[in-house]
C-alpha atoms as a PDB file:
ATOM      1  CA  MET A   1      -9.091  20.470  15.470  1.00  0.00           C
ATOM      2  CA  SER A   2      -8.161  16.825  14.952  1.00  0.00           C
ATOM      3  CA  THR A   3      -7.966  14.639  18.057  1.00  0.00           C
ATOM      4  CA  ASP A   4      -5.680  11.617  18.246  1.00  0.00           C
ATOM      5  CA  PRO A   5      -7.997   8.675  18.991  1.00  0.00           C
ATOM      6  CA  TYR A   6      -5.190   6.714  20.655  1.00  0.00           C
ATOM      7  CA  ARG A   7      -4.488   9.568  23.081  1.00  0.00           C
ATOM      8  CA  SER A   8      -8.225   9.790  23.757  1.00  0.00           C
ATOM      9  CA  LEU A   9      -8.252   6.079  24.585  1.00  0.00           C
ATOM     10  CA  LEU A  10      -5.300   6.453  26.969  1.00  0.00           C
ATOM     11  CA  LYS A  11      -6.971   9.382  28.690  1.00  0.00           C
ATOM     12  CA  HIS A  12     -10.201   7.393  29.019  1.00  0.00           C
ATOM     13  CA  LEU A  13      -8.377   4.367  30.454  1.00  0.00           C
ATOM     14  CA  ALA A  14      -6.573   6.561  32.971  1.00  0.00           C
ATOM     15  CA  ALA A  15      -9.952   7.915  34.103  1.00  0.00           C
ATOM     16  CA  CYS A  16     -11.479   4.449  34.612  1.00  0.00           C
ATOM     17  CA  HIS A  17     -12.099   3.739  38.277  1.00  0.00           C
ATOM     18  CA  ASP A  18     -12.111  -0.051  38.202  1.00  0.00           C
ATOM     19  CA  SER A  19     -11.299  -3.024  36.043  1.00  0.00           C
ATOM     20  CA  ALA A  20     -14.981  -3.608  35.236  1.00  0.00           C
ATOM     21  CA  ASP A  21     -15.075  -0.285  33.366  1.00  0.00           C
ATOM     22  CA  ILE A  22     -11.976  -1.263  31.404  1.00  0.00           C
ATOM     23  CA  GLU A  23     -13.392  -4.707  30.665  1.00  0.00           C
ATOM     24  CA  VAL A  24     -16.533  -3.155  29.179  1.00  0.00           C
ATOM     25  CA  LEU A  25     -14.420  -0.835  27.052  1.00  0.00           C
ATOM     26  CA  PHE A  26     -12.139  -3.631  25.851  1.00  0.00           C
ATOM     27  CA  SER A  27     -15.156  -5.789  25.005  1.00  0.00           C
ATOM     28  CA  ALA A  28     -16.444  -2.964  22.832  1.00  0.00           C
ATOM     29  CA  LEU A  29     -13.100  -2.228  21.175  1.00  0.00           C
ATOM     30  CA  LEU A  30     -11.474  -5.648  20.804  1.00  0.00           C
ATOM     31  CA  THR A  31     -12.583  -8.957  19.393  1.00  0.00           C
ATOM     32  CA  ASP A  32     -12.290 -12.056  21.562  1.00  0.00           C
ATOM     33  CA  LYS A  33      -9.227 -13.037  19.521  1.00  0.00           C
ATOM     34  CA  GLU A  34      -7.564  -9.664  20.106  1.00  0.00           C
ATOM     35  CA  GLN A  35      -8.233  -9.925  23.835  1.00  0.00           C
ATOM     36  CA  ARG A  36      -6.646 -13.406  23.886  1.00  0.00           C
ATOM     37  CA  GLU A  37      -3.629 -12.081  21.978  1.00  0.00           C
ATOM     38  CA  ILE A  38      -3.097  -9.353  24.575  1.00  0.00           C
ATOM     39  CA  ALA A  39      -3.419 -11.898  27.377  1.00  0.00           C
ATOM     40  CA  ASN A  40      -0.934 -14.174  25.590  1.00  0.00           C
ATOM     41  CA  ARG A  41       1.546 -11.289  25.285  1.00  0.00           C
ATOM     42  CA  ILE A  42       1.457 -10.938  29.073  1.00  0.00           C
ATOM     43  CA  ARG A  43       1.882 -14.713  29.482  1.00  0.00           C
ATOM     44  CA  ILE A  44       4.851 -14.578  27.095  1.00  0.00           C
ATOM     45  CA  PHE A  45       6.484 -11.846  29.194  1.00  0.00           C
ATOM     46  CA  ASP A  46       5.924 -13.894  32.337  1.00  0.00           C
ATOM     47  CA  LEU A  47       7.318 -17.122  30.887  1.00  0.00           C
ATOM     48  CA  LEU A  48      10.337 -15.328  29.431  1.00  0.00           C
ATOM     49  CA  GLU A  49      11.018 -13.846  32.875  1.00  0.00           C
ATOM     50  CA  HIS A  50      11.020 -17.421  34.198  1.00  0.00           C
ATOM     51  CA  ASN A  51      13.675 -18.358  31.609  1.00  0.00           C
ATOM     52  CA  ILE A  52      11.392 -20.633  29.604  1.00  0.00           C
ATOM     53  CA  THR A  53      12.731 -21.027  26.065  1.00  0.00           C
ATOM     54  CA  GLN A  54      10.940 -19.322  23.209  1.00  0.00           C
ATOM     55  CA  ARG A  55      10.233 -22.676  21.592  1.00  0.00           C
ATOM     56  CA  GLU A  56       8.679 -24.043  24.810  1.00  0.00           C
ATOM     57  CA  ILE A  57       6.546 -20.901  25.163  1.00  0.00           C
ATOM     58  CA  SER A  58       5.399 -21.230  21.556  1.00  0.00           C
ATOM     59  CA  GLU A  59       4.323 -24.821  22.149  1.00  0.00           C
ATOM     60  CA  LYS A  60       2.765 -24.168  25.563  1.00  0.00           C
ATOM     61  CA  LEU A  61       0.626 -21.229  24.371  1.00  0.00           C
ATOM     62  CA  GLY A  62      -0.040 -22.498  20.864  1.00  0.00           C
ATOM     63  CA  VAL A  63       1.392 -19.365  19.247  1.00  0.00           C
ATOM     64  CA  GLY A  64       3.999 -18.964  16.556  1.00  0.00           C
ATOM     65  CA  ILE A  65       7.645 -18.560  17.412  1.00  0.00           C
ATOM     66  CA  ALA A  66       7.550 -15.112  15.757  1.00  0.00           C
ATOM     67  CA  THR A  67       4.905 -14.035  18.288  1.00  0.00           C
ATOM     68  CA  VAL A  68       7.164 -15.090  21.145  1.00  0.00           C
ATOM     69  CA  SER A  69      10.169 -13.407  19.523  1.00  0.00           C
ATOM     70  CA  ARG A  70       8.224 -10.131  19.244  1.00  0.00           C
ATOM     71  CA  GLY A  71       7.396 -10.372  22.934  1.00  0.00           C
ATOM     72  CA  ALA A  72      11.054 -10.943  23.777  1.00  0.00           C
ATOM     73  CA  LYS A  73      12.050  -7.934  21.675  1.00  0.00           C
ATOM     74  CA  VAL A  74       9.506  -5.746  23.459  1.00  0.00           C
ATOM     75  CA  MET A  75      10.935  -6.800  26.817  1.00  0.00           C
ATOM     76  CA  GLN A  76      14.377  -5.618  25.720  1.00  0.00           C
ATOM     77  CA  SER A  77      13.145  -2.073  25.153  1.00  0.00           C
ATOM     78  CA  HIS A  78      10.270  -1.701  27.653  1.00  0.00           C
ATOM     79  CA  ASP A  79      10.042  -2.227  31.389  1.00  0.00           C
ATOM     80  CA  VAL A  80       7.113  -4.585  31.956  1.00  0.00           C
ATOM     81  CA  SER A  81       7.934  -5.353  35.587  1.00  0.00           C
ATOM     82  CA  ASP A  82       4.889  -3.521  37.019  1.00  0.00           C
ATOM     83  CA  LEU A  83       2.582  -5.326  34.593  1.00  0.00           C
ATOM     84  CA  LEU A  84       4.121  -8.672  35.551  1.00  0.00           C
ATOM     85  CA  ALA A  85       3.823  -7.900  39.260  1.00  0.00           C
ATOM     86  CA  THR A  86       0.102  -7.246  38.815  1.00  0.00           C
ATOM     87  CA  HIS A  87      -0.276 -10.385  36.679  1.00  0.00           C
ATOM     88  CA  ARG A  88       1.416 -12.506  39.314  1.00  0.00           C
ATOM     89  CA  GLN A  89      -0.763 -11.057  42.088  1.00  0.00           C
ATOM     90  CA  ASP A  90      -3.855 -12.077  40.141  1.00  0.00           C
ATOM     91  CA  SER A  91      -2.573 -15.595  39.398  1.00  0.00           C
END
């Protein structure tokens, strides 16, 4: 039987008991650049929620305008409010 690796990852993440376990896993799975890109996606969501323009976000984070536009598009179709609440708690 073939197992979907992405579903296996989600199941593993759901079973993690603390952020240290997830950090170890992400360090094994993602390059430093990929980890920064994920963090920037969260920053983009946060700045968009604060009505910062896409151009200003692009300049502030040093990412392309297309990256910011993708983040804005994601926010139109996905509820990221819980993620942002956690991000703001940690800030």
